[in-house]
C-alpha cells in the first residue's frame, strides 16, 4: 500500500520522496549562501557610499589620501561577486527549487554583471560622470534587495520542503 502511494506521489510530483529531503538540505545551504552574499554586498554598498561621498578615488590618485578606503572597496568586489555567483549557481543547478526562486537567481546574476560593468566604468572615468556613479550605487542597492528576496524565498522553500518530508 505504501509502495503504491509512493509511486503515485512520484508520478504526480516528478520527485521521489528522498528527493524532497535532498532539496531540503540544498535550500538550507542556499539560504546560508544567500545570507552571506547579502551581507557582503551590503558591506560593499557601505564602502561604495564612503568612496563616493568622500571622493576617495580623486584623493587617492591625487595625493595617496583615502587609498585604504578605495582599495578596500576594490578588494571587496571579489568576495561579494564570488558569493553572489555561488548563490546563482546553487539555485540554477537544483531543479527541485521553486521556479520563482530559480528565475530570481538569474535576475541576481544579471544584476551582478551589470554592477561590475558599472563599477569598472565608474573607476575608469574617475567618478567624473555623476549619473554613472549614482547608477552604480543604485544597482548595488538593487542587488542587495534582490539577494534578500532570494534568501527569504529560500527560507520559505526550506519550510515547505520540511513540511513535505514530514507528511
N, C-alpha and C. Protein backbone atom coordinates (compact mmCIF):
# COMPACT_ATOMS: atom_id res chain seq x y z
N UNK A 1 0.82 -1.20 0.00
CA UNK A 1 0.00 0.00 0.00
C UNK A 1 0.87 1.26 0.00
N UNK A 2 1.87 1.27 0.89
CA UNK A 2 2.77 2.42 0.94
C UNK A 2 3.56 2.56 -0.36
N UNK A 3 3.90 1.41 -0.97
CA UNK A 3 4.66 1.44 -2.21
C UNK A 3 3.83 2.07 -3.33
N UNK A 4 2.54 1.74 -3.38
CA UNK A 4 1.65 2.32 -4.38
C UNK A 4 1.50 3.81 -4.15
N UNK A 5 1.33 4.20 -2.90
CA UNK A 5 1.20 5.62 -2.56
C UNK A 5 2.48 6.37 -2.93
N UNK A 6 3.63 5.75 -2.67
CA UNK A 6 4.90 6.38 -3.01
C UNK A 6 5.04 6.54 -4.52
N UNK A 7 4.64 5.52 -5.27
CA UNK A 7 4.71 5.60 -6.72
C UNK A 7 3.78 6.68 -7.25
N UNK A 8 2.59 6.80 -6.66
CA UNK A 8 1.64 7.84 -7.09
C UNK A 8 2.21 9.23 -6.82
N UNK A 9 2.81 9.42 -5.64
CA UNK A 9 3.37 10.75 -5.34
C UNK A 9 4.55 11.06 -6.24
N UNK A 10 5.32 10.00 -6.62
CA UNK A 10 6.45 10.22 -7.51
C UNK A 10 5.97 10.61 -8.91
N UNK A 11 4.92 9.96 -9.38
CA UNK A 11 4.38 10.28 -10.70
C UNK A 11 3.77 11.67 -10.70
N UNK A 12 3.04 12.00 -9.63
CA UNK A 12 2.37 13.28 -9.55
C UNK A 12 3.35 14.44 -9.48
N UNK A 13 4.37 14.35 -8.64
CA UNK A 13 5.28 15.47 -8.43
C UNK A 13 6.53 15.40 -9.29
N UNK A 14 6.87 14.22 -9.80
CA UNK A 14 8.09 14.08 -10.58
C UNK A 14 9.31 13.83 -9.71
N UNK A 15 9.14 13.77 -8.40
CA UNK A 15 10.25 13.56 -7.47
C UNK A 15 9.96 12.36 -6.60
N UNK A 16 11.02 11.66 -6.25
CA UNK A 16 10.89 10.58 -5.28
C UNK A 16 10.88 11.22 -3.90
N UNK A 17 10.35 10.51 -2.89
CA UNK A 17 10.32 11.09 -1.54
C UNK A 17 11.69 11.51 -1.02
N UNK A 18 12.76 10.75 -1.35
CA UNK A 18 14.08 11.14 -0.86
C UNK A 18 14.61 12.38 -1.57
N UNK A 19 14.05 12.73 -2.74
CA UNK A 19 14.44 13.97 -3.42
C UNK A 19 14.04 15.19 -2.61
N UNK A 20 12.92 15.10 -1.88
CA UNK A 20 12.49 16.22 -1.05
C UNK A 20 13.47 16.45 0.10
N UNK A 21 13.99 15.36 0.67
CA UNK A 21 14.98 15.50 1.74
C UNK A 21 16.26 16.16 1.21
N UNK A 22 16.69 15.76 0.01
CA UNK A 22 17.87 16.37 -0.60
C UNK A 22 17.62 17.85 -0.91
N UNK A 23 16.42 18.15 -1.39
CA UNK A 23 16.08 19.54 -1.70
C UNK A 23 16.05 20.38 -0.43
N UNK A 24 15.63 19.77 0.69
CA UNK A 24 15.61 20.50 1.96
C UNK A 24 17.01 20.90 2.37
N UNK A 25 17.96 19.97 2.23
CA UNK A 25 19.36 20.26 2.55
C UNK A 25 19.89 21.35 1.61
N UNK A 26 19.55 21.24 0.32
CA UNK A 26 20.02 22.23 -0.66
C UNK A 26 19.46 23.61 -0.37
N UNK A 27 18.19 23.69 0.05
CA UNK A 27 17.63 25.01 0.36
C UNK A 27 18.25 25.58 1.62
N UNK A 28 18.61 24.73 2.55
CA UNK A 28 19.28 25.22 3.77
C UNK A 28 20.64 25.83 3.39
N UNK A 29 21.37 25.16 2.50
CA UNK A 29 22.66 25.69 2.05
C UNK A 29 22.46 26.98 1.26
N UNK A 30 21.43 27.00 0.41
CA UNK A 30 21.17 28.21 -0.38
C UNK A 30 20.79 29.38 0.52
N UNK A 31 20.04 29.09 1.55
CA UNK A 31 19.64 30.14 2.49
C UNK A 31 20.86 30.78 3.14
N UNK A 32 21.82 29.95 3.58
CA UNK A 32 23.02 30.49 4.21
C UNK A 32 23.92 31.20 3.21
N UNK A 33 24.05 30.62 2.02
CA UNK A 33 24.87 31.26 0.99
C UNK A 33 24.27 32.60 0.59
N UNK A 34 22.95 32.67 0.47
CA UNK A 34 22.27 33.93 0.15
C UNK A 34 22.47 34.97 1.24
N UNK A 35 22.40 34.54 2.49
CA UNK A 35 22.61 35.47 3.60
C UNK A 35 24.04 36.02 3.60
N UNK A 36 25.01 35.14 3.38
CA UNK A 36 26.41 35.59 3.34
C UNK A 36 26.62 36.55 2.17
N UNK A 37 26.07 36.22 1.01
CA UNK A 37 26.21 37.10 -0.16
C UNK A 37 25.55 38.45 0.11
N UNK A 38 24.38 38.44 0.73
CA UNK A 38 23.69 39.71 1.03
C UNK A 38 24.50 40.57 2.00
N UNK A 39 25.10 39.96 2.99
CA UNK A 39 25.92 40.71 3.94
C UNK A 39 27.14 41.30 3.24
N UNK A 40 27.79 40.51 2.40
CA UNK A 40 28.97 41.02 1.68
C UNK A 40 28.60 42.16 0.73
N UNK A 41 27.47 42.03 0.04
CA UNK A 41 27.03 43.10 -0.86
C UNK A 41 26.66 44.34 -0.05
N UNK A 42 26.05 44.16 1.11
CA UNK A 42 25.72 45.30 1.97
C UNK A 42 26.99 46.04 2.40
N UNK A 43 28.00 45.29 2.79
CA UNK A 43 29.27 45.93 3.18
C UNK A 43 29.89 46.67 2.00
N UNK A 44 29.77 46.09 0.80
CA UNK A 44 30.26 46.78 -0.40
C UNK A 44 29.49 48.07 -0.64
N UNK A 45 28.18 48.05 -0.40
CA UNK A 45 27.38 49.27 -0.56
C UNK A 45 27.84 50.35 0.42
N UNK A 46 28.13 49.94 1.64
CA UNK A 46 28.63 50.92 2.62
C UNK A 46 29.97 51.50 2.19
N UNK A 47 30.88 50.63 1.76
CA UNK A 47 32.19 51.12 1.29
C UNK A 47 32.04 51.98 0.04
N UNK A 48 31.15 51.59 -0.85
CA UNK A 48 30.92 52.37 -2.07
C UNK A 48 30.36 53.75 -1.75
N UNK A 49 29.46 53.80 -0.78
CA UNK A 49 28.94 55.10 -0.36
C UNK A 49 30.03 55.97 0.24
N UNK A 50 30.92 55.36 1.00
CA UNK A 50 32.05 56.09 1.58
C UNK A 50 32.99 56.58 0.50
N UNK A 51 33.26 55.75 -0.49
CA UNK A 51 34.13 56.15 -1.60
C UNK A 51 33.52 57.33 -2.34
N UNK A 52 32.23 57.24 -2.67
CA UNK A 52 31.57 58.29 -3.43
C UNK A 52 31.40 59.58 -2.65
N UNK A 53 31.08 59.47 -1.38
CA UNK A 53 30.80 60.68 -0.60
C UNK A 53 32.07 61.44 -0.24
N UNK A 54 33.18 60.75 -0.15
CA UNK A 54 34.43 61.42 0.22
C UNK A 54 35.35 61.60 -0.99
N UNK A 55 34.86 61.28 -2.17
CA UNK A 55 35.65 61.37 -3.39
C UNK A 55 37.01 60.71 -3.20
N UNK A 56 36.98 59.52 -2.66
CA UNK A 56 38.22 58.80 -2.32
C UNK A 56 39.06 58.51 -3.55
N UNK A 57 38.43 58.27 -4.68
CA UNK A 57 39.20 57.95 -5.88
C UNK A 57 40.08 59.13 -6.30
N UNK A 58 39.50 60.35 -6.30
CA UNK A 58 40.28 61.54 -6.66
C UNK A 58 41.41 61.78 -5.67
N UNK A 59 41.10 61.65 -4.40
CA UNK A 59 42.11 61.92 -3.38
C UNK A 59 43.20 60.86 -3.38
N UNK A 60 42.82 59.63 -3.72
CA UNK A 60 43.82 58.56 -3.79
C UNK A 60 44.76 58.77 -4.97
N UNK A 61 44.21 59.10 -6.13
CA UNK A 61 45.05 59.34 -7.29
C UNK A 61 45.87 60.63 -7.15
N UNK A 62 45.29 61.62 -6.47
CA UNK A 62 45.95 62.91 -6.35
C UNK A 62 47.06 62.96 -5.33
N UNK A 63 46.88 62.35 -4.19
CA UNK A 63 47.91 62.50 -3.17
C UNK A 63 47.96 61.37 -2.18
N UNK A 64 47.52 60.22 -2.54
CA UNK A 64 47.52 59.00 -1.72
C UNK A 64 46.75 59.12 -0.41
N UNK A 65 45.76 60.01 -0.39
CA UNK A 65 44.86 60.06 0.77
C UNK A 65 43.66 59.18 0.46
N UNK A 66 43.12 58.57 1.46
CA UNK A 66 41.94 57.71 1.36
C UNK A 66 42.14 56.51 0.43
N UNK A 67 43.37 56.13 0.17
CA UNK A 67 43.61 54.95 -0.67
C UNK A 67 43.13 53.66 0.02
N UNK A 68 43.19 53.63 1.35
CA UNK A 68 42.71 52.45 2.07
C UNK A 68 41.22 52.22 1.82
N UNK A 69 40.45 53.30 1.82
CA UNK A 69 39.01 53.20 1.56
C UNK A 69 38.77 52.68 0.15
N UNK A 70 39.47 53.27 -0.81
CA UNK A 70 39.29 52.87 -2.21
C UNK A 70 39.74 51.44 -2.43
N UNK A 71 40.89 51.07 -1.90
CA UNK A 71 41.40 49.71 -2.07
C UNK A 71 40.51 48.68 -1.39
N UNK A 72 39.96 49.03 -0.24
CA UNK A 72 39.04 48.12 0.45
C UNK A 72 37.81 47.85 -0.42
N UNK A 73 37.31 48.89 -1.06
CA UNK A 73 36.14 48.72 -1.92
C UNK A 73 36.49 47.85 -3.14
N UNK A 74 37.65 48.06 -3.71
CA UNK A 74 38.05 47.29 -4.89
C UNK A 74 38.31 45.83 -4.52
N UNK A 75 39.00 45.60 -3.42
CA UNK A 75 39.27 44.23 -2.98
C UNK A 75 37.99 43.52 -2.56
N UNK A 76 37.06 44.27 -1.97
CA UNK A 76 35.79 43.70 -1.52
C UNK A 76 34.88 43.24 -2.65
N UNK A 77 35.19 43.65 -3.88
CA UNK A 77 34.41 43.21 -5.02
C UNK A 77 34.49 41.70 -5.18
N UNK A 78 35.65 41.13 -4.96
CA UNK A 78 35.86 39.70 -5.23
C UNK A 78 35.03 38.79 -4.33
N UNK A 79 35.07 38.94 -2.99
CA UNK A 79 34.24 38.04 -2.18
C UNK A 79 32.74 38.23 -2.42
N UNK A 80 32.31 39.47 -2.61
CA UNK A 80 30.88 39.71 -2.83
C UNK A 80 30.43 39.12 -4.16
N UNK A 81 31.24 39.26 -5.19
CA UNK A 81 30.88 38.72 -6.51
C UNK A 81 30.92 37.20 -6.50
N UNK A 82 31.92 36.63 -5.90
CA UNK A 82 32.03 35.16 -5.85
C UNK A 82 30.86 34.57 -5.05
N UNK A 83 30.53 35.19 -3.92
CA UNK A 83 29.41 34.70 -3.10
C UNK A 83 28.09 34.81 -3.87
N UNK A 84 27.90 35.91 -4.58
CA UNK A 84 26.67 36.10 -5.34
C UNK A 84 26.57 35.11 -6.48
N UNK A 85 27.65 34.90 -7.21
CA UNK A 85 27.62 33.93 -8.31
C UNK A 85 27.47 32.51 -7.80
N UNK A 86 27.96 32.23 -6.60
CA UNK A 86 27.74 30.92 -5.98
C UNK A 86 26.27 30.69 -5.70
N UNK A 87 25.59 31.72 -5.22
CA UNK A 87 24.15 31.62 -4.98
C UNK A 87 23.42 31.34 -6.29
N UNK A 88 23.79 32.05 -7.34
CA UNK A 88 23.16 31.84 -8.66
C UNK A 88 23.38 30.40 -9.11
N UNK A 89 24.60 29.92 -8.98
CA UNK A 89 24.93 28.56 -9.41
C UNK A 89 24.15 27.53 -8.59
N UNK A 90 24.09 27.72 -7.27
CA UNK A 90 23.37 26.77 -6.41
C UNK A 90 21.89 26.71 -6.77
N UNK A 91 21.29 27.84 -7.03
CA UNK A 91 19.87 27.86 -7.36
C UNK A 91 19.62 27.31 -8.76
N UNK A 92 20.53 27.54 -9.67
CA UNK A 92 20.36 27.11 -11.05
C UNK A 92 20.47 25.59 -11.19
N UNK A 93 21.39 24.99 -10.45
CA UNK A 93 21.65 23.57 -10.66
C UNK A 93 20.64 22.65 -9.98
N UNK A 94 19.83 23.15 -9.08
CA UNK A 94 18.87 22.31 -8.37
C UNK A 94 17.48 22.49 -8.96
N UNK A 95 17.00 21.49 -9.68
CA UNK A 95 15.70 21.59 -10.35
C UNK A 95 14.54 21.44 -9.37
N UNK A 96 14.81 21.02 -8.15
CA UNK A 96 13.74 20.85 -7.17
C UNK A 96 13.28 22.18 -6.57
N UNK A 97 14.04 23.25 -6.81
CA UNK A 97 13.65 24.55 -6.28
C UNK A 97 12.43 25.08 -7.02
N UNK A 98 11.72 25.94 -6.35
CA UNK A 98 10.59 26.63 -6.95
C UNK A 98 11.07 27.44 -8.16
N UNK A 99 10.22 27.50 -9.19
CA UNK A 99 10.64 28.20 -10.41
C UNK A 99 10.89 29.69 -10.16
N UNK A 100 10.14 30.29 -9.24
CA UNK A 100 10.36 31.71 -8.91
C UNK A 100 11.75 31.91 -8.31
N UNK A 101 12.15 30.99 -7.47
CA UNK A 101 13.47 31.07 -6.85
C UNK A 101 14.57 30.96 -7.91
N UNK A 102 14.40 30.05 -8.85
CA UNK A 102 15.39 29.89 -9.90
C UNK A 102 15.42 31.11 -10.83
N UNK A 103 14.26 31.66 -11.15
CA UNK A 103 14.21 32.86 -12.00
C UNK A 103 14.86 34.05 -11.29
N UNK A 104 14.58 34.17 -10.01
CA UNK A 104 15.17 35.27 -9.24
C UNK A 104 16.69 35.14 -9.18
N UNK A 105 17.19 33.92 -9.17
CA UNK A 105 18.64 33.75 -9.17
C UNK A 105 19.26 34.26 -10.47
N UNK A 106 18.55 34.09 -11.59
CA UNK A 106 19.05 34.63 -12.85
C UNK A 106 19.03 36.15 -12.85
N UNK A 107 18.03 36.72 -12.21
CA UNK A 107 17.98 38.19 -12.08
C UNK A 107 19.19 38.66 -11.27
N UNK A 108 19.49 37.96 -10.19
CA UNK A 108 20.66 38.30 -9.38
C UNK A 108 21.93 38.22 -10.21
N UNK A 109 22.06 37.19 -11.03
CA UNK A 109 23.24 37.05 -11.89
C UNK A 109 23.37 38.21 -12.87
N UNK A 110 22.26 38.62 -13.46
CA UNK A 110 22.28 39.75 -14.39
C UNK A 110 22.64 41.05 -13.70
N UNK A 111 22.09 41.24 -12.50
CA UNK A 111 22.38 42.47 -11.76
C UNK A 111 23.85 42.53 -11.36
N UNK A 112 24.42 41.42 -10.95
CA UNK A 112 25.82 41.45 -10.52
C UNK A 112 26.74 41.72 -11.71
N UNK A 113 26.41 41.20 -12.89
CA UNK A 113 27.21 41.51 -14.08
C UNK A 113 27.11 42.99 -14.40
N UNK A 114 25.89 43.53 -14.37
CA UNK A 114 25.69 44.96 -14.62
C UNK A 114 26.45 45.81 -13.60
N UNK A 115 26.42 45.38 -12.35
CA UNK A 115 27.10 46.12 -11.28
C UNK A 115 28.60 46.16 -11.50
N UNK A 116 29.18 45.04 -11.90
CA UNK A 116 30.64 45.01 -12.15
C UNK A 116 30.99 45.91 -13.33
N UNK A 117 30.19 45.85 -14.39
CA UNK A 117 30.45 46.71 -15.55
C UNK A 117 30.34 48.19 -15.19
N UNK A 118 29.32 48.55 -14.41
CA UNK A 118 29.19 49.94 -13.97
C UNK A 118 30.35 50.36 -13.07
N UNK A 119 30.79 49.45 -12.23
CA UNK A 119 31.92 49.74 -11.34
C UNK A 119 33.20 49.99 -12.11
N UNK A 120 33.46 49.17 -13.11
CA UNK A 120 34.65 49.37 -13.94
C UNK A 120 34.57 50.70 -14.68
N UNK A 121 33.40 51.00 -15.24
CA UNK A 121 33.23 52.27 -15.96
C UNK A 121 33.40 53.46 -15.02
N UNK A 122 32.85 53.36 -13.83
CA UNK A 122 32.97 54.44 -12.84
C UNK A 122 34.43 54.65 -12.45
N UNK A 123 35.14 53.56 -12.26
CA UNK A 123 36.56 53.65 -11.90
C UNK A 123 37.38 54.25 -13.03
N UNK A 124 37.14 53.79 -14.24
CA UNK A 124 37.91 54.29 -15.40
C UNK A 124 37.67 55.78 -15.63
N UNK A 125 36.45 56.24 -15.35
CA UNK A 125 36.12 57.65 -15.56
C UNK A 125 36.37 58.49 -14.31
N UNK A 126 37.01 57.91 -13.29
CA UNK A 126 37.42 58.62 -12.07
C UNK A 126 36.26 59.34 -11.38
N UNK A 127 35.08 58.75 -11.36
CA UNK A 127 33.89 59.31 -10.71
C UNK A 127 33.46 60.64 -11.34
N UNK A 128 33.89 60.91 -12.55
CA UNK A 128 33.58 62.19 -13.20
C UNK A 128 32.14 62.27 -13.68
N UNK A 129 31.55 61.14 -14.06
CA UNK A 129 30.18 61.12 -14.58
C UNK A 129 29.27 60.77 -13.41
N UNK A 130 28.66 61.79 -12.82
CA UNK A 130 27.87 61.58 -11.61
C UNK A 130 26.70 60.62 -11.81
N UNK A 131 25.94 60.71 -12.93
CA UNK A 131 24.85 59.73 -13.10
C UNK A 131 25.35 58.28 -13.14
N UNK A 132 26.54 58.07 -13.65
CA UNK A 132 27.11 56.73 -13.68
C UNK A 132 27.43 56.25 -12.26
N UNK A 133 27.97 57.14 -11.47
CA UNK A 133 28.27 56.82 -10.08
C UNK A 133 26.99 56.51 -9.31
N UNK A 134 25.97 57.31 -9.52
CA UNK A 134 24.68 57.09 -8.85
C UNK A 134 24.06 55.78 -9.32
N UNK A 135 24.16 55.50 -10.63
CA UNK A 135 23.63 54.24 -11.16
C UNK A 135 24.37 53.05 -10.55
N UNK A 136 25.67 53.16 -10.38
CA UNK A 136 26.46 52.08 -9.78
C UNK A 136 25.98 51.80 -8.35
N UNK A 137 25.77 52.85 -7.59
CA UNK A 137 25.31 52.65 -6.21
C UNK A 137 23.86 52.15 -6.17
N UNK A 138 23.03 52.63 -7.08
CA UNK A 138 21.63 52.20 -7.13
C UNK A 138 21.52 50.73 -7.50
N UNK A 139 22.31 50.30 -8.47
CA UNK A 139 22.29 48.89 -8.87
C UNK A 139 22.82 48.02 -7.72
N UNK A 140 23.79 48.52 -6.97
CA UNK A 140 24.27 47.80 -5.79
C UNK A 140 23.16 47.61 -4.76
N UNK A 141 22.38 48.66 -4.55
CA UNK A 141 21.25 48.55 -3.61
C UNK A 141 20.20 47.56 -4.15
N UNK A 142 19.97 47.58 -5.47
CA UNK A 142 19.03 46.63 -6.07
C UNK A 142 19.54 45.20 -5.92
N UNK A 143 20.84 45.01 -6.07
CA UNK A 143 21.44 43.69 -5.89
C UNK A 143 21.24 43.20 -4.46
N UNK A 144 21.46 44.09 -3.51
CA UNK A 144 21.26 43.74 -2.11
C UNK A 144 19.80 43.35 -1.86
N UNK A 145 18.87 44.14 -2.34
CA UNK A 145 17.45 43.85 -2.15
C UNK A 145 17.03 42.54 -2.80
N UNK A 146 17.56 42.27 -3.97
CA UNK A 146 17.22 41.03 -4.67
C UNK A 146 17.80 39.83 -3.94
N UNK A 147 18.99 39.96 -3.40
CA UNK A 147 19.57 38.87 -2.60
C UNK A 147 18.78 38.61 -1.33
N UNK A 148 18.27 39.67 -0.71
CA UNK A 148 17.42 39.49 0.47
C UNK A 148 16.14 38.76 0.09
N UNK A 149 15.55 39.13 -1.05
CA UNK A 149 14.34 38.45 -1.51
C UNK A 149 14.62 36.98 -1.81
N UNK A 150 15.74 36.70 -2.47
CA UNK A 150 16.09 35.32 -2.80
C UNK A 150 16.33 34.51 -1.53
N UNK A 151 17.00 35.09 -0.56
CA UNK A 151 17.26 34.40 0.71
C UNK A 151 15.95 34.13 1.45
N UNK A 152 15.03 35.08 1.41
CA UNK A 152 13.73 34.90 2.05
C UNK A 152 12.95 33.78 1.37
N UNK A 153 12.97 33.74 0.04
CA UNK A 153 12.31 32.66 -0.69
C UNK A 153 12.94 31.31 -0.37
N UNK A 154 14.25 31.27 -0.24
CA UNK A 154 14.93 30.03 0.11
C UNK A 154 14.52 29.58 1.52
N UNK A 155 14.33 30.52 2.42
CA UNK A 155 13.87 30.20 3.77
C UNK A 155 12.47 29.61 3.71
N UNK A 156 11.60 30.24 2.95
CA UNK A 156 10.23 29.71 2.79
C UNK A 156 10.24 28.35 2.11
N UNK A 157 11.09 28.18 1.13
CA UNK A 157 11.19 26.92 0.40
C UNK A 157 11.63 25.80 1.34
N UNK A 158 12.58 26.09 2.24
CA UNK A 158 13.04 25.06 3.16
C UNK A 158 11.94 24.68 4.14
N UNK A 159 11.09 25.62 4.52
CA UNK A 159 9.97 25.30 5.39
C UNK A 159 8.95 24.43 4.66
N UNK A 160 8.71 24.69 3.38
CA UNK A 160 7.79 23.88 2.58
C UNK A 160 8.35 22.48 2.42
N UNK A 161 9.63 22.36 2.11
CA UNK A 161 10.25 21.05 1.96
C UNK A 161 10.21 20.29 3.27
N UNK A 162 10.40 20.97 4.39
CA UNK A 162 10.33 20.35 5.70
C UNK A 162 8.95 19.77 5.94
N UNK A 163 7.92 20.51 5.57
CA UNK A 163 6.54 20.06 5.71
C UNK A 163 6.29 18.84 4.83
N UNK A 164 6.80 18.84 3.60
CA UNK A 164 6.57 17.75 2.67
C UNK A 164 7.29 16.48 3.12
N UNK A 165 8.46 16.62 3.73
CA UNK A 165 9.19 15.46 4.19
C UNK A 165 8.44 14.81 5.35
N UNK A 166 7.87 15.61 6.24
CA UNK A 166 7.14 15.10 7.40
C UNK A 166 5.83 14.44 6.98
N UNK A 167 5.19 14.91 5.92
CA UNK A 167 3.88 14.38 5.52
C UNK A 167 3.95 12.97 5.00
